[in-house]
Amino acid sequence: MVEQLVAQGVDIRLCRTCALARGLGELPLIPGTAIGTLVELAEATVLADKVVTF
């Protein structure tokens, strides 16, 4: 599912705090995804027509 979204140009960022809490900080990520920052989240939220979180 994530790979399909990346292929469509969707920007996928993981919450750094959440990723580290789950032990994902040092693991390789799916190509096209990255661990984001709070600043990136704020900017994306302001610019977005819709935001999906889960």
PDB file of N, CA and C in Angstrom:
ATOM      1  N   MET A   1       0.817  -1.184   0.000  1.00  0.00           N
ATOM      2  CA  MET A   1       0.000   0.000   0.000  1.00  0.00           C
ATOM      3  C   MET A   1       0.874   1.267   0.000  1.00  0.00           C
ATOM      4  N   VAL A   2       1.865   1.327   0.872  1.00  0.00           N
ATOM      5  CA  VAL A   2       2.735   2.501   0.933  1.00  0.00           C
ATOM      6  C   VAL A   2       3.499   2.663  -0.374  1.00  0.00           C
ATOM      7  N   GLU A   3       3.978   1.556  -0.925  1.00  0.00           N
ATOM      8  CA  GLU A   3       4.703   1.618  -2.188  1.00  0.00           C
ATOM      9  C   GLU A   3       3.832   2.204  -3.294  1.00  0.00           C
ATOM     10  N   GLN A   4       2.549   1.856  -3.306  1.00  0.00           N
ATOM     11  CA  GLN A   4       1.632   2.380  -4.321  1.00  0.00           C
ATOM     12  C   GLN A   4       1.453   3.887  -4.154  1.00  0.00           C
ATOM     13  N   LEU A   5       1.344   4.338  -2.922  1.00  0.00           N
ATOM     14  CA  LEU A   5       1.199   5.771  -2.674  1.00  0.00           C
ATOM     15  C   LEU A   5       2.452   6.530  -3.101  1.00  0.00           C
ATOM     16  N   VAL A   6       3.616   5.996  -2.771  1.00  0.00           N
ATOM     17  CA  VAL A   6       4.879   6.628  -3.173  1.00  0.00           C
ATOM     18  C   VAL A   6       4.966   6.691  -4.694  1.00  0.00           C
ATOM     19  N   ALA A   7       4.567   5.618  -5.370  1.00  0.00           N
ATOM     20  CA  ALA A   7       4.599   5.579  -6.837  1.00  0.00           C
ATOM     21  C   ALA A   7       3.693   6.649  -7.446  1.00  0.00           C
ATOM     22  N   GLN A   8       2.661   7.043  -6.710  1.00  0.00           N
ATOM     23  CA  GLN A   8       1.740   8.077  -7.183  1.00  0.00           C
ATOM     24  C   GLN A   8       2.191   9.483  -6.778  1.00  0.00           C
ATOM     25  N   GLY A   9       3.356   9.556  -6.140  1.00  0.00           N
ATOM     26  CA  GLY A   9       3.900  10.859  -5.780  1.00  0.00           C
ATOM     27  C   GLY A   9       3.487  11.377  -4.416  1.00  0.00           C
ATOM     28  N   VAL A  10       2.885  10.519  -3.596  1.00  0.00           N
ATOM     29  CA  VAL A  10       2.464  10.940  -2.259  1.00  0.00           C
ATOM     30  C   VAL A  10       3.697  11.046  -1.358  1.00  0.00           C
ATOM     31  N   ASP A  11       3.781  12.130  -0.612  1.00  0.00           N
ATOM     32  CA  ASP A  11       4.892  12.354   0.312  1.00  0.00           C
ATOM     33  C   ASP A  11       4.580  11.639   1.625  1.00  0.00           C
ATOM     34  N   ILE A  12       5.374  10.631   1.971  1.00  0.00           N
ATOM     35  CA  ILE A  12       5.144   9.834   3.173  1.00  0.00           C
ATOM     36  C   ILE A  12       6.239  10.142   4.185  1.00  0.00           C
ATOM     37  N   ARG A  13       5.842  10.605   5.357  1.00  0.00           N
ATOM     38  CA  ARG A  13       6.773  10.898   6.444  1.00  0.00           C
ATOM     39  C   ARG A  13       6.293  10.198   7.711  1.00  0.00           C
ATOM     40  N   LEU A  14       7.237   9.636   8.447  1.00  0.00           N
ATOM     41  CA  LEU A  14       6.936   9.010   9.727  1.00  0.00           C
ATOM     42  C   LEU A  14       7.229  10.002  10.839  1.00  0.00           C
ATOM     43  N   CYS A  15       6.424   9.953  11.880  1.00  0.00           N
ATOM     44  CA  CYS A  15       6.687  10.744  13.076  1.00  0.00           C
ATOM     45  C   CYS A  15       7.955  10.192  13.730  1.00  0.00           C
ATOM     46  N   ARG A  16       8.941  11.041  13.937  1.00  0.00           N
ATOM     47  CA  ARG A  16      10.216  10.599  14.508  1.00  0.00           C
ATOM     48  C   ARG A  16      10.028   9.996  15.900  1.00  0.00           C
ATOM     49  N   THR A  17       9.271  10.665  16.751  1.00  0.00           N
ATOM     50  CA  THR A  17       9.045  10.170  18.108  1.00  0.00           C
ATOM     51  C   THR A  17       8.369   8.812  18.081  1.00  0.00           C
ATOM     52  N   CYS A  18       7.362   8.659  17.235  1.00  0.00           N
ATOM     53  CA  CYS A  18       6.638   7.382  17.128  1.00  0.00           C
ATOM     54  C   CYS A  18       7.541   6.288  16.575  1.00  0.00           C
ATOM     55  N   ALA A  19       8.328   6.620  15.559  1.00  0.00           N
ATOM     56  CA  ALA A  19       9.222   5.633  14.949  1.00  0.00           C
ATOM     57  C   ALA A  19      10.272   5.159  15.951  1.00  0.00           C
ATOM     58  N   LEU A  20      10.853   6.088  16.694  1.00  0.00           N
ATOM     59  CA  LEU A  20      11.863   5.715  17.684  1.00  0.00           C
ATOM     60  C   LEU A  20      11.257   4.881  18.807  1.00  0.00           C
ATOM     61  N   ALA A  21      10.049   5.223  19.234  1.00  0.00           N
ATOM     62  CA  ALA A  21       9.384   4.473  20.304  1.00  0.00           C
ATOM     63  C   ALA A  21       9.111   3.032  19.894  1.00  0.00           C
ATOM     64  N   ARG A  22       8.982   2.804  18.598  1.00  0.00           N
ATOM     65  CA  ARG A  22       8.695   1.461  18.090  1.00  0.00           C
ATOM     66  C   ARG A  22       9.943   0.752  17.562  1.00  0.00           C
ATOM     67  N   GLY A  23      11.107   1.344  17.796  1.00  0.00           N
ATOM     68  CA  GLY A  23      12.359   0.720  17.397  1.00  0.00           C
ATOM     69  C   GLY A  23      12.645   0.792  15.911  1.00  0.00           C
ATOM     70  N   LEU A  24      12.044   1.754  15.213  1.00  0.00           N
ATOM     71  CA  LEU A  24      12.220   1.859  13.765  1.00  0.00           C
ATOM     72  C   LEU A  24      13.309   2.850  13.360  1.00  0.00           C
ATOM     73  N   GLY A  25      13.901   3.521  14.316  1.00  0.00           N
ATOM     74  CA  GLY A  25      14.856   4.578  14.014  1.00  0.00           C
ATOM     75  C   GLY A  25      16.067   4.142  13.220  1.00  0.00           C
ATOM     76  N   GLU A  26      16.543   2.941  13.432  1.00  0.00           N
ATOM     77  CA  GLU A  26      17.752   2.464  12.757  1.00  0.00           C
ATOM     78  C   GLU A  26      17.455   1.473  11.636  1.00  0.00           C
ATOM     79  N   LEU A  27      16.200   1.136  11.440  1.00  0.00           N
ATOM     80  CA  LEU A  27      15.842   0.167  10.403  1.00  0.00           C
ATOM     81  C   LEU A  27      15.716   0.856   9.047  1.00  0.00           C
ATOM     82  N   PRO A  28      15.988   0.115   7.962  1.00  0.00           N
ATOM     83  CA  PRO A  28      15.778   0.709   6.636  1.00  0.00           C
ATOM     84  C   PRO A  28      14.286   0.961   6.407  1.00  0.00           C
ATOM     85  N   LEU A  29      13.987   2.082   5.797  1.00  0.00           N
ATOM     86  CA  LEU A  29      12.599   2.441   5.509  1.00  0.00           C
ATOM     87  C   LEU A  29      12.238   2.031   4.090  1.00  0.00           C
ATOM     88  N   ILE A  30      10.967   1.992   3.813  1.00  0.00           N
ATOM     89  CA  ILE A  30      10.493   1.734   2.459  1.00  0.00           C
ATOM     90  C   ILE A  30      11.027   2.864   1.571  1.00  0.00           C
ATOM     91  N   PRO A  31      11.620   2.542   0.419  1.00  0.00           N
ATOM     92  CA  PRO A  31      12.124   3.596  -0.470  1.00  0.00           C
ATOM     93  C   PRO A  31      11.037   4.630  -0.777  1.00  0.00           C
ATOM     94  N   GLY A  32      11.414   5.888  -0.691  1.00  0.00           N
ATOM     95  CA  GLY A  32      10.471   6.967  -0.951  1.00  0.00           C
ATOM     96  C   GLY A  32       9.812   7.509   0.302  1.00  0.00           C
ATOM     97  N   THR A  33      10.107   6.906   1.462  1.00  0.00           N
ATOM     98  CA  THR A  33       9.584   7.400   2.732  1.00  0.00           C
ATOM     99  C   THR A  33      10.744   7.932   3.564  1.00  0.00           C
ATOM    100  N   ALA A  34      10.422   8.691   4.592  1.00  0.00           N
ATOM    101  CA  ALA A  34      11.468   9.236   5.462  1.00  0.00           C
ATOM    102  C   ALA A  34      10.877   9.541   6.827  1.00  0.00           C
ATOM    103  N   ILE A  35      11.756   9.636   7.797  1.00  0.00           N
ATOM    104  CA  ILE A  35      11.330  10.104   9.113  1.00  0.00           C
ATOM    105  C   ILE A  35      11.295  11.621   9.043  1.00  0.00           C
ATOM    106  N   GLY A  36      10.164  12.183   9.387  1.00  0.00           N
ATOM    107  CA  GLY A  36       9.972  13.618   9.275  1.00  0.00           C
ATOM    108  C   GLY A  36      10.196  14.348  10.582  1.00  0.00           C
ATOM    109  N   THR A  37      10.049  15.654  10.507  1.00  0.00           N
ATOM    110  CA  THR A  37      10.203  16.511  11.680  1.00  0.00           C
ATOM    111  C   THR A  37       8.865  17.167  12.005  1.00  0.00           C
ATOM    112  N   LEU A  38       8.782  17.742  13.185  1.00  0.00           N
ATOM    113  CA  LEU A  38       7.569  18.447  13.571  1.00  0.00           C
ATOM    114  C   LEU A  38       7.323  19.649  12.661  1.00  0.00           C
ATOM    115  N   VAL A  39       8.391  20.300  12.227  1.00  0.00           N
ATOM    116  CA  VAL A  39       8.261  21.439  11.307  1.00  0.00           C
ATOM    117  C   VAL A  39       7.657  20.976   9.982  1.00  0.00           C
ATOM    118  N   GLU A  40       8.133  19.840   9.452  1.00  0.00           N
ATOM    119  CA  GLU A  40       7.572  19.306   8.201  1.00  0.00           C
ATOM    120  C   GLU A  40       6.091  18.982   8.365  1.00  0.00           C
ATOM    121  N   LEU A  41       5.727  18.401   9.499  1.00  0.00           N
ATOM    122  CA  LEU A  41       4.321  18.078   9.752  1.00  0.00           C
ATOM    123  C   LEU A  41       3.475  19.345   9.783  1.00  0.00           C
ATOM    124  N   ALA A  42       3.949  20.361  10.472  1.00  0.00           N
ATOM    125  CA  ALA A  42       3.205  21.616  10.557  1.00  0.00           C
ATOM    126  C   ALA A  42       3.041  22.252   9.178  1.00  0.00           C
ATOM    127  N   GLU A  43       4.120  22.287   8.395  1.00  0.00           N
ATOM    128  CA  GLU A  43       4.051  22.869   7.050  1.00  0.00           C
ATOM    129  C   GLU A  43       3.091  22.091   6.162  1.00  0.00           C
ATOM    130  N   ALA A  44       3.168  20.768   6.206  1.00  0.00           N
ATOM    131  CA  ALA A  44       2.291  19.939   5.376  1.00  0.00           C
ATOM    132  C   ALA A  44       0.833  20.117   5.775  1.00  0.00           C
ATOM    133  N   THR A  45       0.576  20.230   7.069  1.00  0.00           N
ATOM    134  CA  THR A  45      -0.794  20.405   7.549  1.00  0.00           C
ATOM    135  C   THR A  45      -1.368  21.733   7.073  1.00  0.00           C
ATOM    136  N   VAL A  46      -0.572  22.785   7.131  1.00  0.00           N
ATOM    137  CA  VAL A  46      -1.027  24.105   6.696  1.00  0.00           C
ATOM    138  C   VAL A  46      -1.303  24.119   5.194  1.00  0.00           C
ATOM    139  N   LEU A  47      -0.462  23.459   4.408  1.00  0.00           N
ATOM    140  CA  LEU A  47      -0.591  23.489   2.952  1.00  0.00           C
ATOM    141  C   LEU A  47      -1.623  22.505   2.401  1.00  0.00           C
ATOM    142  N   ALA A  48      -2.001  21.518   3.179  1.00  0.00           N
ATOM    143  CA  ALA A  48      -2.842  20.433   2.669  1.00  0.00           C
ATOM    144  C   ALA A  48      -4.317  20.807   2.600  1.00  0.00           C
ATOM    145  N   ASP A  49      -4.971  20.280   1.556  1.00  0.00           N
ATOM    146  CA  ASP A  49      -6.425  20.367   1.481  1.00  0.00           C
ATOM    147  C   ASP A  49      -7.044  19.351   2.431  1.00  0.00           C
ATOM    148  N   LYS A  50      -6.379  18.189   2.537  1.00  0.00           N
ATOM    149  CA  LYS A  50      -6.832  17.110   3.415  1.00  0.00           C
ATOM    150  C   LYS A  50      -5.604  16.468   4.046  1.00  0.00           C
ATOM    151  N   VAL A  51      -5.741  16.041   5.287  1.00  0.00           N
ATOM    152  CA  VAL A  51      -4.664  15.350   5.986  1.00  0.00           C
ATOM    153  C   VAL A  51      -5.219  14.054   6.537  1.00  0.00           C
ATOM    154  N   VAL A  52      -4.493  12.955   6.292  1.00  0.00           N
ATOM    155  CA  VAL A  52      -4.902  11.653   6.807  1.00  0.00           C
ATOM    156  C   VAL A  52      -3.838  11.188   7.790  1.00  0.00           C
ATOM    157  N   THR A  53      -4.252  10.865   9.004  1.00  0.00           N
ATOM    158  CA  THR A  53      -3.338  10.311  10.000  1.00  0.00           C
ATOM    159  C   THR A  53      -3.952   9.062  10.584  1.00  0.00           C
ATOM    160  N   PHE A  54      -3.089   8.155  11.018  1.00  0.00           N
ATOM    161  CA  PHE A  54      -3.580   6.958  11.693  1.00  0.00           C
ATOM    162  C   PHE A  54      -2.503   6.399  12.565  1.00  0.00           C
TER     163      PHE A  54
END
